[in-house]
Protein backbone atom coordinates (compact mmCIF):
# COMPACT_ATOMS: atom_id res chain seq x y z
CA MET A 1 159.58 151.23 49.63
CA LYS A 2 156.94 153.65 49.01
CA HIS A 3 157.76 156.40 46.39
CA GLU A 4 158.52 159.26 48.84
CA GLU A 5 160.64 156.82 50.95
CA PHE A 6 162.90 156.15 47.70
CA LEU A 7 162.71 159.87 47.37
CA LYS A 8 164.38 160.51 50.79
CA PHE A 9 166.62 157.55 50.51
CA HIS A 10 168.13 158.97 46.91
CA ARG A 11 168.52 162.23 48.40
CA ASN A 12 170.37 160.95 51.49
CA THR A 13 173.01 158.83 49.17
CA ILE A 14 173.36 162.02 46.78
CA GLU A 15 174.56 163.75 49.64
CA LYS A 16 176.63 160.80 51.03
CA MET A 17 177.99 159.88 47.53
CA HIS A 18 178.68 163.76 47.10
CA LYS A 19 180.69 163.94 50.33
CA THR A 20 182.99 160.88 49.19
CA VAL A 21 183.40 162.49 45.87
CA GLU A 22 184.60 165.60 47.28
CA ALA A 23 187.41 164.04 50.24
CA LYS A 24 188.35 161.10 47.62
CA ASN A 25 188.96 163.93 44.99
CA LYS A 26 191.25 165.99 46.54
CA ASP A 27 193.35 163.09 47.99
CA TYR A 28 193.42 161.73 44.48
CA SER A 29 194.08 164.78 42.40
CA GLY A 30 195.90 166.91 44.55
CA GLY A 31 192.97 169.45 45.31
CA ASP A 32 192.00 172.23 43.21
CA ARG A 33 194.27 172.15 40.04
CA ASP A 34 192.58 169.41 38.10
CA ALA A 35 189.72 167.41 39.16
CA PHE A 36 190.74 164.54 36.86
CA ALA A 37 194.41 164.54 37.10
CA ASN A 38 194.58 160.90 38.76
CA PHE A 39 192.45 159.64 35.44
CA ARG A 40 195.05 161.71 33.13
CA GLN A 41 198.18 159.98 34.73
CA VAL A 42 197.36 156.80 32.70
CA GLU A 43 197.72 158.79 29.28
CA GLU A 44 201.02 160.54 30.64
CA LEU A 45 202.34 157.36 31.51
CA GLY A 46 201.68 155.81 28.31
CA ILE A 47 199.07 153.19 29.50
CA CYS A 48 195.69 153.86 28.28
CA SER A 49 193.39 156.69 27.74
CA ALA A 50 191.65 158.45 30.78
CA GLU A 51 188.61 157.14 29.20
CA VAL A 52 189.83 153.53 29.36
CA GLY A 53 190.93 154.45 32.73
CA PHE A 54 188.02 155.80 34.25
CA LEU A 55 185.92 152.36 32.69
CA THR A 56 188.96 149.91 34.18
CA ARG A 57 187.99 151.81 37.39
CA MET A 58 184.44 151.27 37.08
CA THR A 59 184.90 147.49 35.60
CA ASP A 60 186.37 146.41 39.08
CA LYS A 61 183.53 147.87 40.82
CA ILE A 62 181.11 146.05 38.73
CA SER A 63 183.60 142.65 39.41
CA ARG A 64 183.26 143.41 43.29
CA ILE A 65 179.56 143.61 42.77
CA SER A 66 179.03 140.62 40.87
CA ASN A 67 180.86 138.59 43.04
CA ILE A 68 178.86 139.86 46.08
CA VAL A 69 175.89 139.16 44.55
CA ARG A 70 176.73 135.46 43.40
CA THR A 71 178.34 134.45 46.90
CA GLY A 72 176.47 136.44 49.08
CA LYS A 73 179.11 137.82 51.22
CA THR A 74 182.11 140.33 51.22
CA ASN A 75 185.40 139.78 52.00
CA VAL A 76 186.26 143.50 53.14
CA ASN A 77 183.86 144.44 55.96
CA SER A 78 184.50 147.98 56.00
CA GLU A 79 183.35 148.39 52.45
CA SER A 80 179.54 147.39 51.39
CA VAL A 81 177.74 146.48 48.42
CA ILE A 82 176.03 149.46 48.68
CA ASP A 83 179.52 151.61 49.13
CA THR A 84 180.43 149.87 46.31
CA LEU A 85 177.24 150.69 44.18
CA GLN A 86 177.92 154.72 45.14
CA ASP A 87 181.68 154.14 44.10
CA LEU A 88 180.02 153.03 40.60
CA SER A 89 177.70 155.58 40.42
CA ASN A 90 180.42 158.08 41.26
CA TYR A 91 182.76 157.18 38.40
CA SER A 92 180.04 157.22 36.16
CA ILE A 93 179.92 160.84 37.04
CA LEU A 94 183.28 161.53 37.09
CA LEU A 95 183.30 159.99 33.39
CA ALA A 96 180.55 162.07 32.71
CA GLY A 97 182.43 165.19 33.98
CA TYR A 98 185.71 164.53 32.22
CA ILE A 99 184.04 163.85 29.19
CA GLN A 100 182.09 167.23 29.47
CA ASP A 101 185.31 169.07 30.47
CA LYS A 102 187.23 167.44 27.35
CA ASN A 103 184.20 168.30 24.70
CA ASP A 104 184.43 171.94 26.08
CA LYS A 105 187.71 172.54 25.69
CA ILE A 106 187.35 171.06 22.05
CA ASN A 107 184.71 173.55 21.23
CA VAL A 108 186.67 176.53 23.15
CA ALA A 109 189.73 175.79 20.89
CA PRO A 110 188.11 177.44 17.43
CA LYS A 111 186.75 180.04 19.43
CA ILE A 112 190.04 181.37 20.81
CA ARG A 113 191.55 180.67 17.33
CA ARG A 114 188.99 183.26 15.75
CA LYS A 115 189.37 185.68 18.22
CA ARG A 116 193.51 185.96 17.75
CA ARG A 117 192.94 186.07 13.77
CA ASN A 118 190.86 188.92 14.92
CA LEU A 119 193.57 190.06 17.51
CA LYS A 120 195.91 190.22 14.87
CA THR A 121 193.84 191.68 12.16
CA ASN A 122 192.79 194.34 14.46
CA THR A 123 196.45 194.66 15.37
CA GLU A 124 197.27 195.02 11.64
CA THR A 125 194.61 198.00 11.24
CA VAL A 126 195.37 200.03 14.19
CA GLY A 127 198.77 201.43 12.73
CA THR A 128 196.55 202.33 9.30
CA GLU A 129 193.30 203.55 10.47
CA ASN A 130 192.17 205.95 13.39
CA LYS A 131 193.55 205.05 16.49
CA SER A 132 189.78 204.85 18.27
CA ASN A 133 190.39 200.96 17.15
CA SER A 134 192.65 200.66 20.24
CA LYS A 135 189.93 200.59 22.75
CA GLY A 136 188.08 197.79 20.70
CA LEU A 137 191.25 195.94 20.53
CA SER A 138 191.91 196.36 24.19
CA ALA A 139 188.51 194.76 24.70
CA LEU A 140 188.91 192.02 22.77
CA ALA A 141 192.51 191.35 24.06
CA GLU A 142 190.98 191.17 27.53
CA THR A 143 188.39 188.88 26.48
CA LEU A 144 190.59 186.50 24.68
CA LYS A 145 193.10 186.50 27.82
CA ASN A 146 189.90 185.62 30.16
CA GLU A 147 188.95 183.05 28.16
CA THR A 148 192.01 181.37 27.78
CA LYS A 149 192.53 181.05 31.79
CA THR A 150 188.95 179.08 31.43
CA ALA A 151 189.95 176.70 29.01
């Protein structure tokens, strides 16, 4: 396969993977509420961490690929080795997204705490100083409210 042919294959594969993960994510996670809801359930049930849940699913795919490569045959005719490789890639991307989401939430929490402290300080100050602080306080409260919604 030449370079340009590979790039076309890559683009087509990524597009197919995107369509697959879009549909499956709605089925497994319940739509828009939480893209990782099905992975978080293993934690809620006390089975293992969400990360271990991801890795378990990825290991299942690796085991299947390994068996197909070793034996040269598939027992599930509706899923090719290419499909399994694409599923493994999607699990990798899902895990990367989960880790990013988790890190974002960890990094946002200290900012929210600082803003809440500032909000409390500004609230105490408004009563003793000129009421002009109330405009700044309203803006801070609105910012905090918006960031808490996205966190």
